[in-house]
PDB file of N, CA and C in Angstrom:
ATOM      1  N   MET A   1      24.805 -10.605 -21.948  1.00  0.00           N
ATOM      2  CA  MET A   1      23.616 -10.592 -21.011  1.00  0.00           C
ATOM      3  C   MET A   1      23.241 -12.299 -21.881  1.00  0.00           C
ATOM      4  N   ASP A   2      22.622 -12.904 -20.736  1.00  0.00           N
ATOM      5  CA  ASP A   2      22.340 -14.567 -21.112  1.00  0.00           C
ATOM      6  C   ASP A   2      20.755 -14.043 -21.294  1.00  0.00           C
ATOM      7  N   MET A   3      20.303 -15.206 -21.797  1.00  0.00           N
ATOM      8  CA  MET A   3      18.914 -15.296 -22.300  1.00  0.00           C
ATOM      9  C   MET A   3      17.939 -15.267 -20.796  1.00  0.00           C
ATOM     10  N   ASN A   4      18.455 -15.839 -19.691  1.00  0.00           N
ATOM     11  CA  ASN A   4      17.260 -15.798 -18.472  1.00  0.00           C
ATOM     12  C   ASN A   4      17.293 -14.229 -18.384  1.00  0.00           C
ATOM     13  N   GLU A   5      18.503 -13.663 -18.388  1.00  0.00           N
ATOM     14  CA  GLU A   5      18.481 -12.000 -18.202  1.00  0.00           C
ATOM     15  C   GLU A   5      16.861 -11.328 -19.098  1.00  0.00           C
ATOM     16  N   ASN A   6      17.237 -11.612 -20.375  1.00  0.00           N
ATOM     17  CA  ASN A   6      16.321 -11.024 -21.377  1.00  0.00           C
ATOM     18  C   ASN A   6      15.034 -11.528 -21.026  1.00  0.00           C
ATOM     19  N   GLY A   7      14.764 -13.076 -20.845  1.00  0.00           N
ATOM     20  CA  GLY A   7      13.484 -13.221 -19.837  1.00  0.00           C
ATOM     21  C   GLY A   7      13.162 -12.585 -19.146  1.00  0.00           C
ATOM     22  N   ILE A   8      13.482 -11.980 -18.182  1.00  0.00           N
ATOM     23  CA  ILE A   8      13.032 -11.112 -17.419  1.00  0.00           C
ATOM     24  C   ILE A   8      12.651 -10.089 -17.766  1.00  0.00           C
ATOM     25  N   LEU A   9      13.641  -9.425 -18.444  1.00  0.00           N
ATOM     26  CA  LEU A   9      13.073  -7.920 -18.991  1.00  0.00           C
ATOM     27  C   LEU A   9      11.716  -7.695 -19.774  1.00  0.00           C
ATOM     28  N   ASP A  10      12.065  -9.407 -20.196  1.00  0.00           N
ATOM     29  CA  ASP A  10      10.810  -9.460 -21.044  1.00  0.00           C
ATOM     30  C   ASP A  10       9.441  -9.621 -20.058  1.00  0.00           C
ATOM     31  N   LEU A  11       9.170 -10.484 -19.101  1.00  0.00           N
ATOM     32  CA  LEU A  11       8.064 -10.507 -18.345  1.00  0.00           C
ATOM     33  C   LEU A  11       7.851  -8.800 -17.848  1.00  0.00           C
ATOM     34  N   ILE A  12       9.069  -8.588 -17.446  1.00  0.00           N
ATOM     35  CA  ILE A  12       9.131  -7.509 -16.990  1.00  0.00           C
ATOM     36  C   ILE A  12       7.816  -6.475 -17.442  1.00  0.00           C
ATOM     37  N   GLU A  13       8.299  -6.213 -18.762  1.00  0.00           N
ATOM     38  CA  GLU A  13       7.687  -4.752 -19.854  1.00  0.00           C
ATOM     39  C   GLU A  13       6.183  -5.827 -20.086  1.00  0.00           C
ATOM     40  N   GLU A  14       5.882  -7.485 -20.140  1.00  0.00           N
ATOM     41  CA  GLU A  14       5.129  -7.431 -19.945  1.00  0.00           C
ATOM     42  C   GLU A  14       3.481  -7.413 -19.659  1.00  0.00           C
ATOM     43  N   ASN A  15       4.234  -7.547 -17.781  1.00  0.00           N
ATOM     44  CA  ASN A  15       3.320  -7.027 -16.806  1.00  0.00           C
ATOM     45  C   ASN A  15       3.175  -5.317 -16.663  1.00  0.00           C
ATOM     46  N   VAL A  16       4.398  -4.583 -17.299  1.00  0.00           N
ATOM     47  CA  VAL A  16       4.188  -3.071 -17.621  1.00  0.00           C
ATOM     48  C   VAL A  16       2.806  -3.021 -18.378  1.00  0.00           C
ATOM     49  N   ASN A  17       2.502  -3.572 -19.333  1.00  0.00           N
ATOM     50  CA  ASN A  17       1.619  -3.338 -20.589  1.00  0.00           C
ATOM     51  C   ASN A  17       0.545  -3.742 -19.346  1.00  0.00           C
ATOM     52  N   LYS A  18       0.551  -4.837 -19.066  1.00  0.00           N
ATOM     53  CA  LYS A  18      -0.594  -5.195 -18.452  1.00  0.00           C
ATOM     54  C   LYS A  18      -1.190  -4.048 -17.554  1.00  0.00           C
ATOM     55  N   ILE A  19      -0.368  -3.089 -16.250  1.00  0.00           N
ATOM     56  CA  ILE A  19      -0.928  -2.155 -15.666  1.00  0.00           C
ATOM     57  C   ILE A  19      -1.358  -1.346 -16.785  1.00  0.00           C
ATOM     58  N   LYS A  20      -0.227  -1.262 -17.575  1.00  0.00           N
ATOM     59  CA  LYS A  20      -1.258   0.587 -18.645  1.00  0.00           C
ATOM     60  C   LYS A  20      -2.224  -0.059 -19.248  1.00  0.00           C
ATOM     61  N   THR A  21      -3.023  -1.385 -19.715  1.00  0.00           N
ATOM     62  CA  THR A  21      -4.180  -1.381 -19.969  1.00  0.00           C
ATOM     63  C   THR A  21      -5.023  -2.064 -19.085  1.00  0.00           C
ATOM     64  N   SER A  22      -4.709  -2.324 -17.961  1.00  0.00           N
ATOM     65  CA  SER A  22      -6.305  -2.484 -17.277  1.00  0.00           C
ATOM     66  C   SER A  22      -6.660  -1.581 -16.492  1.00  0.00           C
ATOM     67  N   HIS A  23      -8.041  -1.895 -16.122  1.00  0.00           N
ATOM     68  CA  HIS A  23      -8.775  -0.543 -15.786  1.00  0.00           C
ATOM     69  C   HIS A  23      -9.358  -1.346 -14.294  1.00  0.00           C
ATOM     70  N   SER A  24      -8.689  -2.284 -13.800  1.00  0.00           N
ATOM     71  CA  SER A  24      -8.556  -2.700 -12.506  1.00  0.00           C
ATOM     72  C   SER A  24      -7.557  -2.573 -11.904  1.00  0.00           C
ATOM     73  N   PRO A  25      -7.858  -1.542 -10.609  1.00  0.00           N
ATOM     74  CA  PRO A  25      -6.840  -0.930  -9.743  1.00  0.00           C
ATOM     75  C   PRO A  25      -6.457  -2.763  -8.800  1.00  0.00           C
ATOM     76  N   LEU A  26      -7.222  -3.472  -8.348  1.00  0.00           N
ATOM     77  CA  LEU A  26      -7.296  -4.647  -7.760  1.00  0.00           C
ATOM     78  C   LEU A  26      -6.240  -5.393  -8.746  1.00  0.00           C
ATOM     79  N   LYS A  27      -6.411  -4.938 -10.372  1.00  0.00           N
ATOM     80  CA  LYS A  27      -5.319  -6.246 -11.039  1.00  0.00           C
ATOM     81  C   LYS A  27      -3.861  -5.566 -11.041  1.00  0.00           C
ATOM     82  N   LYS A  28      -4.072  -4.118 -11.379  1.00  0.00           N
ATOM     83  CA  LYS A  28      -3.071  -3.295 -11.291  1.00  0.00           C
ATOM     84  C   LYS A  28      -1.913  -3.425 -10.166  1.00  0.00           C
ATOM     85  N   ALA A  29      -2.851  -3.711  -9.103  1.00  0.00           N
ATOM     86  CA  ALA A  29      -1.797  -3.835  -8.107  1.00  0.00           C
ATOM     87  C   ALA A  29      -1.044  -5.045  -7.566  1.00  0.00           C
ATOM     88  N   SER A  30      -2.005  -6.494  -8.589  1.00  0.00           N
ATOM     89  CA  SER A  30      -1.476  -7.463  -8.357  1.00  0.00           C
ATOM     90  C   SER A  30      -0.180  -7.471  -9.258  1.00  0.00           C
ATOM     91  N   TYR A  31      -0.122  -7.015 -10.786  1.00  0.00           N
ATOM     92  CA  TYR A  31       0.691  -6.901 -11.756  1.00  0.00           C
ATOM     93  C   TYR A  31       1.896  -6.139 -11.079  1.00  0.00           C
ATOM     94  N   ILE A  32       1.857  -5.041 -10.506  1.00  0.00           N
ATOM     95  CA  ILE A  32       3.068  -4.471  -9.988  1.00  0.00           C
ATOM     96  C   ILE A  32       3.721  -5.239  -8.767  1.00  0.00           C
ATOM     97  N   ALA A  33       2.974  -5.820  -8.146  1.00  0.00           N
ATOM     98  CA  ALA A  33       4.011  -7.075  -7.303  1.00  0.00           C
ATOM     99  C   ALA A  33       4.485  -7.859  -7.886  1.00  0.00           C
ATOM    100  N   VAL A  34       4.225  -8.274  -9.230  1.00  0.00           N
ATOM    101  CA  VAL A  34       4.994  -8.939  -9.915  1.00  0.00           C
ATOM    102  C   VAL A  34       5.717  -8.466 -10.652  1.00  0.00           C
ATOM    103  N   VAL A  35       6.004  -7.030 -10.972  1.00  0.00           N
ATOM    104  CA  VAL A  35       6.938  -6.542 -11.725  1.00  0.00           C
ATOM    105  C   VAL A  35       7.897  -6.365 -10.250  1.00  0.00           C
ATOM    106  N   GLU A  36       7.554  -6.013  -8.934  1.00  0.00           N
ATOM    107  CA  GLU A  36       8.338  -5.859  -8.264  1.00  0.00           C
ATOM    108  C   GLU A  36       9.572  -6.632  -7.956  1.00  0.00           C
ATOM    109  N   LYS A  37       8.600  -8.471  -7.933  1.00  0.00           N
ATOM    110  CA  LYS A  37       9.559  -9.483  -7.986  1.00  0.00           C
ATOM    111  C   LYS A  37      10.506  -9.667  -8.380  1.00  0.00           C
ATOM    112  N   LEU A  38       9.702  -9.310 -10.126  1.00  0.00           N
ATOM    113  CA  LEU A  38      11.053  -9.693 -11.241  1.00  0.00           C
ATOM    114  C   LEU A  38      11.660  -8.650 -11.105  1.00  0.00           C
ATOM    115  N   CYS A  39      11.847  -7.526 -10.860  1.00  0.00           N
ATOM    116  CA  CYS A  39      13.114  -6.655 -10.765  1.00  0.00           C
ATOM    117  C   CYS A  39      14.038  -7.163  -9.410  1.00  0.00           C
ATOM    118  N   GLU A  40      13.667  -7.990  -8.458  1.00  0.00           N
ATOM    119  CA  GLU A  40      14.233  -8.098  -7.319  1.00  0.00           C
ATOM    120  C   GLU A  40      14.816  -9.069  -7.654  1.00  0.00           C
ATOM    121  N   ALA A  41      14.668 -10.627  -8.771  1.00  0.00           N
ATOM    122  CA  ALA A  41      15.482 -11.478  -9.846  1.00  0.00           C
ATOM    123  C   ALA A  41      16.343 -10.840 -10.066  1.00  0.00           C
ATOM    124  N   TYR A  42      16.010  -9.969 -11.102  1.00  0.00           N
ATOM    125  CA  TYR A  42      16.684  -8.882 -11.922  1.00  0.00           C
ATOM    126  C   TYR A  42      18.156  -8.679 -11.183  1.00  0.00           C
ATOM    127  N   GLN A  43      17.643  -7.745 -10.217  1.00  0.00           N
ATOM    128  CA  GLN A  43      19.248  -7.388  -9.458  1.00  0.00           C
ATOM    129  C   GLN A  43      19.633  -8.552  -8.753  1.00  0.00           C
ATOM    130  N   GLU A  44      19.308  -9.824  -8.298  1.00  0.00           N
ATOM    131  CA  GLU A  44      20.224 -11.023  -7.667  1.00  0.00           C
ATOM    132  C   GLU A  44      21.139 -11.345  -8.872  1.00  0.00           C
ATOM    133  N   GLN A  45      20.573 -11.261 -10.299  1.00  0.00           N
ATOM    134  CA  GLN A  45      21.072 -12.020 -10.843  1.00  0.00           C
ATOM    135  C   GLN A  45      22.222 -10.939 -11.227  1.00  0.00           C
ATOM    136  N   LEU A  46      22.026  -9.486 -11.716  1.00  0.00           N
ATOM    137  CA  LEU A  46      23.073  -8.809 -11.958  1.00  0.00           C
ATOM    138  C   LEU A  46      24.083  -8.285 -10.662  1.00  0.00           C
ATOM    139  N   ASN A  47      24.006  -8.822  -9.340  1.00  0.00           N
ATOM    140  CA  ASN A  47      24.749  -8.907  -8.521  1.00  0.00           C
ATOM    141  C   ASN A  47      25.268 -10.525  -8.686  1.00  0.00           C
ATOM    142  N   VAL A  48      25.327 -11.438  -9.207  1.00  0.00           N
ATOM    143  CA  VAL A  48      25.873 -12.418  -8.959  1.00  0.00           C
ATOM    144  C   VAL A  48      26.858 -11.947 -10.893  1.00  0.00           C
ATOM    145  N   GLU A  49      26.082 -11.776 -11.467  1.00  0.00           N
ATOM    146  CA  GLU A  49      27.080 -11.050 -12.578  1.00  0.00           C
ATOM    147  C   GLU A  49      28.023 -10.627 -12.637  1.00  0.00           C
ATOM    148  N   LEU A  50      27.907  -9.269 -11.837  1.00  0.00           N
ATOM    149  CA  LEU A  50      28.930  -8.476 -10.626  1.00  0.00           C
ATOM    150  C   LEU A  50      29.992  -9.029  -9.897  1.00  0.00           C
ATOM    151  N   ILE A  51      29.846  -9.974  -9.045  1.00  0.00           N
ATOM    152  CA  ILE A  51      30.740 -10.711  -8.099  1.00  0.00           C
ATOM    153  C   ILE A  51      31.605 -11.367  -9.552  1.00  0.00           C
ATOM    154  N   SER A  52      30.671 -12.412 -10.446  1.00  0.00           N
ATOM    155  CA  SER A  52      32.169 -13.553 -11.270  1.00  0.00           C
ATOM    156  C   SER A  52      32.591 -12.542 -12.375  1.00  0.00           C
ATOM    157  N   SER A  53      32.015 -11.096 -12.561  1.00  0.00           N
ATOM    158  CA  SER A  53      33.019 -10.525 -13.133  1.00  0.00           C
ATOM    159  C   SER A  53      33.990  -9.374 -13.151  1.00  0.00           C
ATOM    160  N   LYS A  54      34.063  -9.929 -11.587  1.00  0.00           N
ATOM    161  CA  LYS A  54      35.053  -8.902 -10.879  1.00  0.00           C
ATOM    162  C   LYS A  54      36.509  -9.782 -10.737  1.00  0.00           C
ATOM    163  N   GLU A  55      37.074  -9.932 -12.214  1.00  0.00           N
ATOM    164  CA  GLU A  55      38.382 -10.540 -12.030  1.00  0.00           C
ATOM    165  C   GLU A  55      39.177  -9.925 -11.455  1.00  0.00           C
ATOM    166  N   GLU A  56      39.123  -8.545 -11.724  1.00  0.00           N
ATOM    167  CA  GLU A  56      39.949  -7.131 -11.690  1.00  0.00           C
ATOM    168  C   GLU A  56      39.467  -6.897 -10.501  1.00  0.00           C
ATOM    169  N   LYS A  57      38.636  -7.507  -9.645  1.00  0.00           N
ATOM    170  CA  LYS A  57      38.318  -6.581  -8.528  1.00  0.00           C
ATOM    171  C   LYS A  57      39.659  -6.638  -7.634  1.00  0.00           C
ATOM    172  N   PRO A  58      39.559  -5.496  -6.681  1.00  0.00           N
ATOM    173  CA  PRO A  58      40.662  -5.112  -5.790  1.00  0.00           C
ATOM    174  C   PRO A  58      41.038  -6.244  -5.135  1.00  0.00           C
ATOM    175  N   SER A  59      42.194  -7.004  -4.225  1.00  0.00           N
ATOM    176  CA  SER A  59      41.991  -7.783  -3.553  1.00  0.00           C
ATOM    177  C   SER A  59      41.692  -7.290  -2.030  1.00  0.00           C
ATOM    178  N   ILE A  60      41.415  -7.836  -1.193  1.00  0.00           N
ATOM    179  CA  ILE A  60      41.243  -7.729   0.039  1.00  0.00           C
ATOM    180  C   ILE A  60      42.783  -7.227   0.910  1.00  0.00           C
ATOM    181  N   ASN A  61      43.973  -7.629   0.495  1.00  0.00           N
ATOM    182  CA  ASN A  61      45.106  -7.742   1.132  1.00  0.00           C
ATOM    183  C   ASN A  61      45.582  -6.540   0.484  1.00  0.00           C
ATOM    184  N   LYS A  62      45.300  -6.163  -1.048  1.00  0.00           N
ATOM    185  CA  LYS A  62      45.914  -5.543  -1.610  1.00  0.00           C
ATOM    186  C   LYS A  62      45.360  -3.534  -1.105  1.00  0.00           C
ATOM    187  N   PRO A  63      45.765  -2.847  -0.750  1.00  0.00           N
ATOM    188  CA  PRO A  63      45.010  -1.352  -0.579  1.00  0.00           C
ATOM    189  C   PRO A  63      44.191  -0.696  -1.118  1.00  0.00           C
ATOM    190  N   MET A  64      43.069  -0.012  -1.178  1.00  0.00           N
ATOM    191  CA  MET A  64      42.067   0.497  -2.191  1.00  0.00           C
ATOM    192  C   MET A  64      43.705   1.626  -2.374  1.00  0.00           C
ATOM    193  N   THR A  65      43.531   2.409  -3.384  1.00  0.00           N
ATOM    194  CA  THR A  65      43.976   3.694  -3.827  1.00  0.00           C
ATOM    195  C   THR A  65      43.232   4.872  -3.000  1.00  0.00           C
ATOM    196  N   LYS A  66      43.160   6.082  -3.399  1.00  0.00           N
ATOM    197  CA  LYS A  66      42.887   6.998  -2.013  1.00  0.00           C
ATOM    198  C   LYS A  66      41.408   7.097  -3.057  1.00  0.00           C
ATOM    199  N   GLU A  67      41.462   7.224  -4.745  1.00  0.00           N
ATOM    200  CA  GLU A  67      40.401   7.332  -5.531  1.00  0.00           C
ATOM    201  C   GLU A  67      39.318   6.481  -5.375  1.00  0.00           C
ATOM    202  N   GLN A  68      39.624   5.252  -5.048  1.00  0.00           N
ATOM    203  CA  GLN A  68      39.142   4.253  -5.018  1.00  0.00           C
ATOM    204  C   GLN A  68      38.491   4.274  -3.373  1.00  0.00           C
ATOM    205  N   TYR A  69      38.871   4.393  -2.574  1.00  0.00           N
ATOM    206  CA  TYR A  69      38.840   4.813  -1.259  1.00  0.00           C
ATOM    207  C   TYR A  69      37.476   6.185  -1.135  1.00  0.00           C
ATOM    208  N   ASN A  70      37.781   6.959  -1.450  1.00  0.00           N
ATOM    209  CA  ASN A  70      37.368   8.606  -2.004  1.00  0.00           C
ATOM    210  C   ASN A  70      35.384   8.073  -2.296  1.00  0.00           C
ATOM    211  N   ASP A  71      36.038   7.228  -3.490  1.00  0.00           N
ATOM    212  CA  ASP A  71      34.247   6.242  -4.248  1.00  0.00           C
ATOM    213  C   ASP A  71      33.792   5.939  -3.675  1.00  0.00           C
ATOM    214  N   PHE A  72      34.421   4.763  -2.830  1.00  0.00           N
ATOM    215  CA  PHE A  72      33.455   4.281  -1.802  1.00  0.00           C
ATOM    216  C   PHE A  72      32.673   4.660  -1.116  1.00  0.00           C
ATOM    217  N   PHE A  73      33.063   5.916   0.109  1.00  0.00           N
ATOM    218  CA  PHE A  73      32.397   6.805   1.355  1.00  0.00           C
ATOM    219  C   PHE A  73      31.783   7.373  -0.013  1.00  0.00           C
ATOM    220  N   LYS A  74      31.865   8.038  -0.388  1.00  0.00           N
ATOM    221  CA  LYS A  74      31.215   8.916  -1.591  1.00  0.00           C
ATOM    222  C   LYS A  74      29.836   8.486  -2.025  1.00  0.00           C
ATOM    223  N   ASN A  75      30.434   7.353  -2.422  1.00  0.00           N
ATOM    224  CA  ASN A  75      28.942   6.511  -2.845  1.00  0.00           C
ATOM    225  C   ASN A  75      27.561   5.732  -1.719  1.00  0.00           C
ATOM    226  N   ALA A  76      28.758   5.587  -0.805  1.00  0.00           N
ATOM    227  CA  ALA A  76      28.154   5.482   0.384  1.00  0.00           C
ATOM    228  C   ALA A  76      27.689   6.389   1.292  1.00  0.00           C
ATOM    229  N   GLY A  77      27.423   7.870   0.703  1.00  0.00           N
ATOM    230  CA  GLY A  77      27.208   8.879   1.182  1.00  0.00           C
ATOM    231  C   GLY A  77      28.150   9.218   2.858  1.00  0.00           C
ATOM    232  N   ILE A  78      28.912   8.898   3.104  1.00  0.00           N
ATOM    233  CA  ILE A  78      29.570   9.382   4.682  1.00  0.00           C
ATOM    234  C   ILE A  78      30.886   9.959   4.287  1.00  0.00           C
ATOM    235  N   LEU A  79      31.548  10.172   3.028  1.00  0.00           N
ATOM    236  CA  LEU A  79      32.567  10.951   3.416  1.00  0.00           C
ATOM    237  C   LEU A  79      32.620  12.664   3.621  1.00  0.00           C
ATOM    238  N   PRO A  80      33.328  12.492   4.121  1.00  0.00           N
ATOM    239  CA  PRO A  80      32.941  14.168   4.785  1.00  0.00           C
ATOM    240  C   PRO A  80      33.902  15.301   3.707  1.00  0.00           C
ATOM    241  N   ASN A  81      33.926  16.089   3.316  1.00  0.00           N
ATOM    242  CA  ASN A  81      34.373  16.941   1.687  1.00  0.00           C
ATOM    243  C   ASN A  81      35.545  17.595   2.703  1.00  0.00           C
ATOM    244  N   GLN A  82      36.390  17.544   1.513  1.00  0.00           N
ATOM    245  CA  GLN A  82      37.718  17.456   2.096  1.00  0.00           C
ATOM    246  C   GLN A  82      38.027  19.236   2.847  1.00  0.00           C
ATOM    247  N   GLU A  83      37.627  19.920   2.101  1.00  0.00           N
ATOM    248  CA  GLU A  83      37.320  21.380   2.799  1.00  0.00           C
ATOM    249  C   GLU A  83      37.008  21.439   4.156  1.00  0.00           C
ATOM    250  N   PHE A  84      36.048  19.935   4.668  1.00  0.00           N
ATOM    251  CA  PHE A  84      35.576  20.589   6.346  1.00  0.00           C
ATOM    252  C   PHE A  84      36.841  19.647   6.926  1.00  0.00           C
ATOM    253  N   LEU A  85      37.735  18.970   5.931  1.00  0.00           N
ATOM    254  CA  LEU A  85      39.342  18.100   6.740  1.00  0.00           C
ATOM    255  C   LEU A  85      39.932  19.146   6.783  1.00  0.00           C
ATOM    256  N   ASP A  86      40.390  19.843   5.966  1.00  0.00           N
ATOM    257  CA  ASP A  86      41.252  20.626   5.972  1.00  0.00           C
ATOM    258  C   ASP A  86      41.649  21.813   6.936  1.00  0.00           C
ATOM    259  N   LYS A  87      39.773  22.303   7.266  1.00  0.00           N
ATOM    260  CA  LYS A  87      39.574  23.033   8.196  1.00  0.00           C
ATOM    261  C   LYS A  87      40.040  22.165   9.212  1.00  0.00           C
ATOM    262  N   GLU A  88      39.513  21.430   9.614  1.00  0.00           N
ATOM    263  CA  GLU A  88      39.898  20.088  11.313  1.00  0.00           C
ATOM    264  C   GLU A  88      41.520  20.306  11.114  1.00  0.00           C
ATOM    265  N   GLN A  89      42.057  19.875  10.420  1.00  0.00           N
ATOM    266  CA  GLN A  89      43.457  20.152  10.124  1.00  0.00           C
ATOM    267  C   GLN A  89      44.139  21.647  10.446  1.00  0.00           C
ATOM    268  N   HIS A  90      43.578  22.052   9.932  1.00  0.00           N
ATOM    269  CA  HIS A  90      44.065  23.567  10.046  1.00  0.00           C
ATOM    270  C   HIS A  90      43.590  23.722  12.138  1.00  0.00           C
ATOM    271  N   LYS A  91      42.607  23.622  12.210  1.00  0.00           N
ATOM    272  CA  LYS A  91      42.263  23.830  13.636  1.00  0.00           C
ATOM    273  C   LYS A  91      42.729  23.290  15.234  1.00  0.00           C
ATOM    274  N   HIS A  92      43.450  22.105  14.270  1.00  0.00           N
ATOM    275  CA  HIS A  92      44.489  21.113  14.768  1.00  0.00           C
ATOM    276  C   HIS A  92      46.221  21.722  15.472  1.00  0.00           C
ATOM    277  N   GLN A  93      46.537  22.518  13.916  1.00  0.00           N
ATOM    278  CA  GLN A  93      47.841  23.432  13.613  1.00  0.00           C
ATOM    279  C   GLN A  93      47.209  24.390  15.141  1.00  0.00           C
ATOM    280  N   GLU A  94      46.607  25.402  14.728  1.00  0.00           N
ATOM    281  CA  GLU A  94      46.175  26.448  15.692  1.00  0.00           C
ATOM    282  C   GLU A  94      46.256  26.021  16.637  1.00  0.00           C
ATOM    283  N   ASP A  95      45.822  25.208  17.552  1.00  0.00           N
ATOM    284  CA  ASP A  95      45.860  24.508  19.189  1.00  0.00           C
ATOM    285  C   ASP A  95      47.347  24.636  19.332  1.00  0.00           C
ATOM    286  N   LYS A  96      47.719  23.661  18.504  1.00  0.00           N
ATOM    287  CA  LYS A  96      49.389  23.109  18.577  1.00  0.00           C
ATOM    288  C   LYS A  96      50.233  24.486  19.266  1.00  0.00           C
ATOM    289  N   ALA A  97      49.956  25.675  18.276  1.00  0.00           N
ATOM    290  CA  ALA A  97      50.875  26.523  18.462  1.00  0.00           C
ATOM    291  C   ALA A  97      50.534  27.339  19.445  1.00  0.00           C
TER     292      ALA A  97
END
């Protein structure tokens, strides 16, 4: 974790404390906006680190394993569950019979 990253976290913490101690809704709102921007900056930094730390990332030419494929779609929330797939295949086999 580099210094810059901790700097952002410190600023987030500082602003969260200002939100806690402030009695002005207007000031709280502006501190919240700052925290949001800091979180976005932190996320950007994490993304850069993730990209640069993925030396072992699966290459585009190398096919994903079934596990990676399932994880990818499960994380995206669009993987049909296995039970459903089995039913569909079963239905097709009955149709052919």
